[in-house]
C-alpha atoms as a PDB file:
ATOM      1  CA  MET A   1     135.046 -90.926 -16.989  1.00  0.00           C
ATOM      2  CA  PRO A   2     134.311 -92.644 -13.470  1.00  0.00           C
ATOM      3  CA  ASP A   3     131.905 -94.928 -12.797  1.00  0.00           C
ATOM      4  CA  HIS A   4     129.609 -93.484 -10.482  1.00  0.00           C
ATOM      5  CA  THR A   5     129.053 -96.444  -8.409  1.00  0.00           C
ATOM      6  CA  GLU A   6     132.633 -96.683  -7.880  1.00  0.00           C
ATOM      7  CA  PRO A   7     134.078 -95.983  -4.269  1.00  0.00           C
ATOM      8  CA  LEU A   8     136.143 -92.740  -4.449  1.00  0.00           C
ATOM      9  CA  PRO A   9     139.945 -93.023  -3.727  1.00  0.00           C
ATOM     10  CA  THR A  10     140.888 -92.012  -0.213  1.00  0.00           C
ATOM     11  CA  THR A  11     144.837 -91.885  -0.648  1.00  0.00           C
ATOM     12  CA  GLU A  12     146.910 -89.826  -2.959  1.00  0.00           C
ATOM     13  CA  ALA A  13     148.418 -92.830  -4.325  1.00  0.00           C
ATOM     14  CA  GLN A  14     144.686 -94.078  -5.464  1.00  0.00           C
ATOM     15  CA  TRP A  15     144.078 -90.985  -6.864  1.00  0.00           C
ATOM     16  CA  ARG A  16     147.192 -90.782  -9.003  1.00  0.00           C
ATOM     17  CA  ALA A  17     146.385 -94.235 -10.444  1.00  0.00           C
ATOM     18  CA  ARG A  18     142.882 -93.069 -11.205  1.00  0.00           C
ATOM     19  CA  LEU A  19     143.913 -89.393 -12.881  1.00  0.00           C
ATOM     20  CA  THR A  20     146.407 -88.457 -15.422  1.00  0.00           C
ATOM     21  CA  PRO A  21     149.150 -86.650 -14.382  1.00  0.00           C
ATOM     22  CA  GLU A  22     147.947 -83.262 -15.618  1.00  0.00           C
ATOM     23  CA  GLN A  23     144.378 -84.191 -13.864  1.00  0.00           C
ATOM     24  CA  PHE A  24     146.054 -85.021 -10.475  1.00  0.00           C
ATOM     25  CA  ARG A  25     147.791 -81.754 -10.455  1.00  0.00           C
ATOM     26  CA  VAL A  26     144.923 -79.361 -11.381  1.00  0.00           C
ATOM     27  CA  CYS A  27     142.165 -81.515  -9.554  1.00  0.00           C
ATOM     28  CA  ARG A  28     144.014 -82.830  -6.245  1.00  0.00           C
ATOM     29  CA  GLN A  29     146.602 -80.408  -5.969  1.00  0.00           C
ATOM     30  CA  GLY A  30     144.931 -76.846  -7.086  1.00  0.00           C
ATOM     31  CA  GLY A  31     146.723 -76.320 -10.378  1.00  0.00           C
ATOM     32  CA  THR A  32     145.800 -74.383 -13.446  1.00  0.00           C
ATOM     33  CA  GLU A  33     145.854 -75.664 -17.055  1.00  0.00           C
ATOM     34  CA  PRO A  34     147.533 -73.080 -19.539  1.00  0.00           C
ATOM     35  CA  PRO A  35     144.862 -70.775 -20.977  1.00  0.00           C
ATOM     36  CA  PHE A  36     143.330 -71.729 -24.551  1.00  0.00           C
ATOM     37  CA  THR A  37     145.113 -75.145 -24.362  1.00  0.00           C
ATOM     38  CA  GLY A  38     141.866 -77.261 -22.916  1.00  0.00           C
ATOM     39  CA  ASP A  39     139.994 -79.475 -24.473  1.00  0.00           C
ATOM     40  CA  TYR A  40     136.468 -77.309 -24.072  1.00  0.00           C
ATOM     41  CA  VAL A  41     137.608 -74.062 -24.311  1.00  0.00           C
ATOM     42  CA  HIS A  42     135.967 -73.788 -27.815  1.00  0.00           C
ATOM     43  CA  ALA A  43     133.620 -76.863 -27.376  1.00  0.00           C
ATOM     44  CA  LYS A  44     130.049 -76.169 -28.644  1.00  0.00           C
ATOM     45  CA  GLU A  45     128.652 -79.903 -28.254  1.00  0.00           C
ATOM     46  CA  ARG A  46     125.595 -80.037 -26.052  1.00  0.00           C
ATOM     47  CA  GLY A  47     125.676 -81.942 -23.066  1.00  0.00           C
ATOM     48  CA  THR A  48     126.447 -82.026 -19.129  1.00  0.00           C
ATOM     49  CA  TYR A  49     130.095 -81.585 -18.123  1.00  0.00           C
ATOM     50  CA  ARG A  50     130.804 -83.856 -15.142  1.00  0.00           C
ATOM     51  CA  CYS A  51     133.907 -84.199 -12.562  1.00  0.00           C
ATOM     52  CA  VAL A  52     136.669 -85.910 -14.200  1.00  0.00           C
ATOM     53  CA  CYS A  53     137.486 -87.434 -10.818  1.00  0.00           C
ATOM     54  CA  CYS A  54     134.070 -88.854  -9.608  1.00  0.00           C
ATOM     55  CA  GLY A  55     131.237 -88.391 -12.553  1.00  0.00           C
ATOM     56  CA  ALA A  56     129.392 -85.629 -10.729  1.00  0.00           C
ATOM     57  CA  PRO A  57     127.255 -83.369 -12.744  1.00  0.00           C
ATOM     58  CA  LEU A  58     128.738 -79.761 -13.000  1.00  0.00           C
ATOM     59  CA  PHE A  59     127.772 -77.771 -15.495  1.00  0.00           C
ATOM     60  CA  HIS A  60     125.592 -77.647 -18.563  1.00  0.00           C
ATOM     61  CA  SER A  61     126.414 -76.684 -22.543  1.00  0.00           C
ATOM     62  CA  ALA A  62     123.288 -74.351 -22.349  1.00  0.00           C
ATOM     63  CA  HIS A  63     124.835 -72.055 -19.493  1.00  0.00           C
ATOM     64  CA  LYS A  64     128.492 -71.820 -21.277  1.00  0.00           C
ATOM     65  CA  PHE A  65     129.793 -69.019 -23.029  1.00  0.00           C
ATOM     66  CA  ASP A  66     132.754 -67.411 -24.871  1.00  0.00           C
ATOM     67  CA  SER A  67     134.596 -64.966 -22.044  1.00  0.00           C
ATOM     68  CA  GLY A  68     137.329 -64.514 -24.334  1.00  0.00           C
ATOM     69  CA  THR A  69     139.837 -66.047 -21.074  1.00  0.00           C
ATOM     70  CA  GLY A  70     141.199 -69.027 -22.231  1.00  0.00           C
ATOM     71  CA  TRP A  71     139.241 -71.473 -20.213  1.00  0.00           C
ATOM     72  CA  PRO A  72     135.635 -72.970 -20.669  1.00  0.00           C
ATOM     73  CA  SER A  73     133.285 -70.480 -18.835  1.00  0.00           C
ATOM     74  CA  TYR A  74     129.899 -70.961 -17.474  1.00  0.00           C
ATOM     75  CA  TRP A  75     127.278 -68.616 -15.942  1.00  0.00           C
ATOM     76  CA  GLN A  76     125.771 -70.911 -13.619  1.00  0.00           C
ATOM     77  CA  PRO A  77     126.001 -74.615 -12.406  1.00  0.00           C
ATOM     78  CA  ALA A  78     124.110 -77.024 -13.947  1.00  0.00           C
ATOM     79  CA  ASP A  79     120.796 -77.816 -12.167  1.00  0.00           C
ATOM     80  CA  GLY A  80     121.241 -80.095  -9.088  1.00  0.00           C
ATOM     81  CA  ALA A  81     125.088 -79.440  -9.320  1.00  0.00           C
ATOM     82  CA  GLU A  82     127.180 -80.340  -6.254  1.00  0.00           C
ATOM     83  CA  VAL A  83     129.338 -77.169  -6.492  1.00  0.00           C
ATOM     84  CA  VAL A  84     131.000 -75.526  -3.509  1.00  0.00           C
ATOM     85  CA  THR A  85     133.197 -72.381  -2.971  1.00  0.00           C
ATOM     86  CA  GLU A  86     135.525 -71.142  -0.494  1.00  0.00           C
ATOM     87  CA  SER A  87     137.647 -68.019  -0.315  1.00  0.00           C
ATOM     88  CA  ASP A  88     141.277 -68.682  -2.221  1.00  0.00           C
ATOM     89  CA  HIS A  89     144.132 -66.664  -0.916  1.00  0.00           C
ATOM     90  CA  SER A  90     146.789 -67.736  -2.889  1.00  0.00           C
ATOM     91  CA  LEU A  91     148.943 -65.781  -5.616  1.00  0.00           C
ATOM     92  CA  GLY A  92     148.702 -62.628  -3.456  1.00  0.00           C
ATOM     93  CA  MET A  93     144.913 -62.239  -4.433  1.00  0.00           C
ATOM     94  CA  VAL A  94     141.566 -63.015  -2.584  1.00  0.00           C
ATOM     95  CA  ARG A  95     139.676 -65.090  -5.459  1.00  0.00           C
ATOM     96  CA  THR A  96     136.407 -67.680  -5.149  1.00  0.00           C
ATOM     97  CA  GLU A  97     137.598 -71.230  -5.656  1.00  0.00           C
ATOM     98  CA  VAL A  98     135.370 -73.786  -7.082  1.00  0.00           C
ATOM     99  CA  ARG A  99     135.152 -77.184  -6.062  1.00  0.00           C
ATOM    100  CA  CYS A 100     133.398 -80.611  -6.659  1.00  0.00           C
ATOM    101  CA  GLY A 101     130.847 -80.943  -3.820  1.00  0.00           C
ATOM    102  CA  GLN A 102     131.121 -84.997  -3.897  1.00  0.00           C
ATOM    103  CA  CYS A 103     134.882 -85.012  -4.499  1.00  0.00           C
ATOM    104  CA  ASP A 104     136.654 -82.219  -3.395  1.00  0.00           C
ATOM    105  CA  ALA A 105     138.256 -81.705  -6.532  1.00  0.00           C
ATOM    106  CA  HIS A 106     139.550 -77.921  -7.477  1.00  0.00           C
ATOM    107  CA  LEU A 107     137.728 -77.019 -10.804  1.00  0.00           C
ATOM    108  CA  GLY A 108     138.729 -73.358 -10.990  1.00  0.00           C
ATOM    109  CA  HIS A 109     137.673 -70.029  -9.689  1.00  0.00           C
ATOM    110  CA  VAL A 110     134.171 -68.109  -9.789  1.00  0.00           C
ATOM    111  CA  PHE A 111     134.395 -64.213 -10.777  1.00  0.00           C
ATOM    112  CA  ASP A 112     131.489 -61.512 -10.653  1.00  0.00           C
ATOM    113  CA  ASP A 113     132.093 -60.268 -14.200  1.00  0.00           C
ATOM    114  CA  GLY A 114     129.893 -62.783 -16.225  1.00  0.00           C
ATOM    115  CA  PRO A 115     126.567 -62.280 -18.390  1.00  0.00           C
ATOM    116  CA  PRO A 116     123.447 -61.912 -17.011  1.00  0.00           C
ATOM    117  CA  PRO A 117     121.400 -63.322 -15.721  1.00  0.00           C
ATOM    118  CA  THR A 118     123.768 -64.111 -12.671  1.00  0.00           C
ATOM    119  CA  GLY A 119     126.436 -61.614 -13.706  1.00  0.00           C
ATOM    120  CA  LEU A 120     128.917 -64.708 -12.526  1.00  0.00           C
ATOM    121  CA  ARG A 121     131.913 -66.509 -14.531  1.00  0.00           C
ATOM    122  CA  TYR A 122     132.903 -69.731 -13.328  1.00  0.00           C
ATOM    123  CA  CYS A 123     136.174 -70.227 -14.973  1.00  0.00           C
ATOM    124  CA  ILE A 124     136.806 -73.972 -15.346  1.00  0.00           C
ATOM    125  CA  ASN A 125     139.616 -76.184 -16.363  1.00  0.00           C
ATOM    126  CA  SER A 126     139.024 -78.252 -18.977  1.00  0.00           C
ATOM    127  CA  VAL A 127     140.864 -81.307 -17.611  1.00  0.00           C
ATOM    128  CA  CYS A 128     138.639 -81.395 -14.586  1.00  0.00           C
ATOM    129  CA  LEU A 129     135.765 -81.899 -17.023  1.00  0.00           C
ATOM    130  CA  SER A 130     134.254 -84.801 -18.900  1.00  0.00           C
ATOM    131  CA  LEU A 131     131.593 -84.150 -21.638  1.00  0.00           C
ATOM    132  CA  GLU A 132     128.756 -86.176 -21.706  1.00  0.00           C
ATOM    133  CA  PRO A 133     126.527 -85.417 -24.739  1.00  0.00           C
ATOM    134  CA  GLU A 134     123.111 -85.411 -25.013  1.00  0.00           C
END
């Protein structure tokens, strides 16, 4: 996981040097990892899921649930998390994209078919996350 005091990359070459090819493809180019392949799909460990690009806290294990979709899913971001959303019109549909508010990494999408209390399902690519255990 990146050092929180380290400056963020500003060029594509710097991001490529910092991330694995799969992390770069998903986080910086808006890709998606195949379902049921990510490290955190079935993870049960307690802790904070941080952005793999910048280390910002994004989601907490207490908000994680098994959506059956093949990606880690959360019903809300972690307290104080910098998670932003924007409209995504790719693939011939309208979805709500989830991005890291600190480094603008693509994380996944949020849907309104999640459990109470929010009714939201933040469907996030494992490759975008790094778990900091409690």
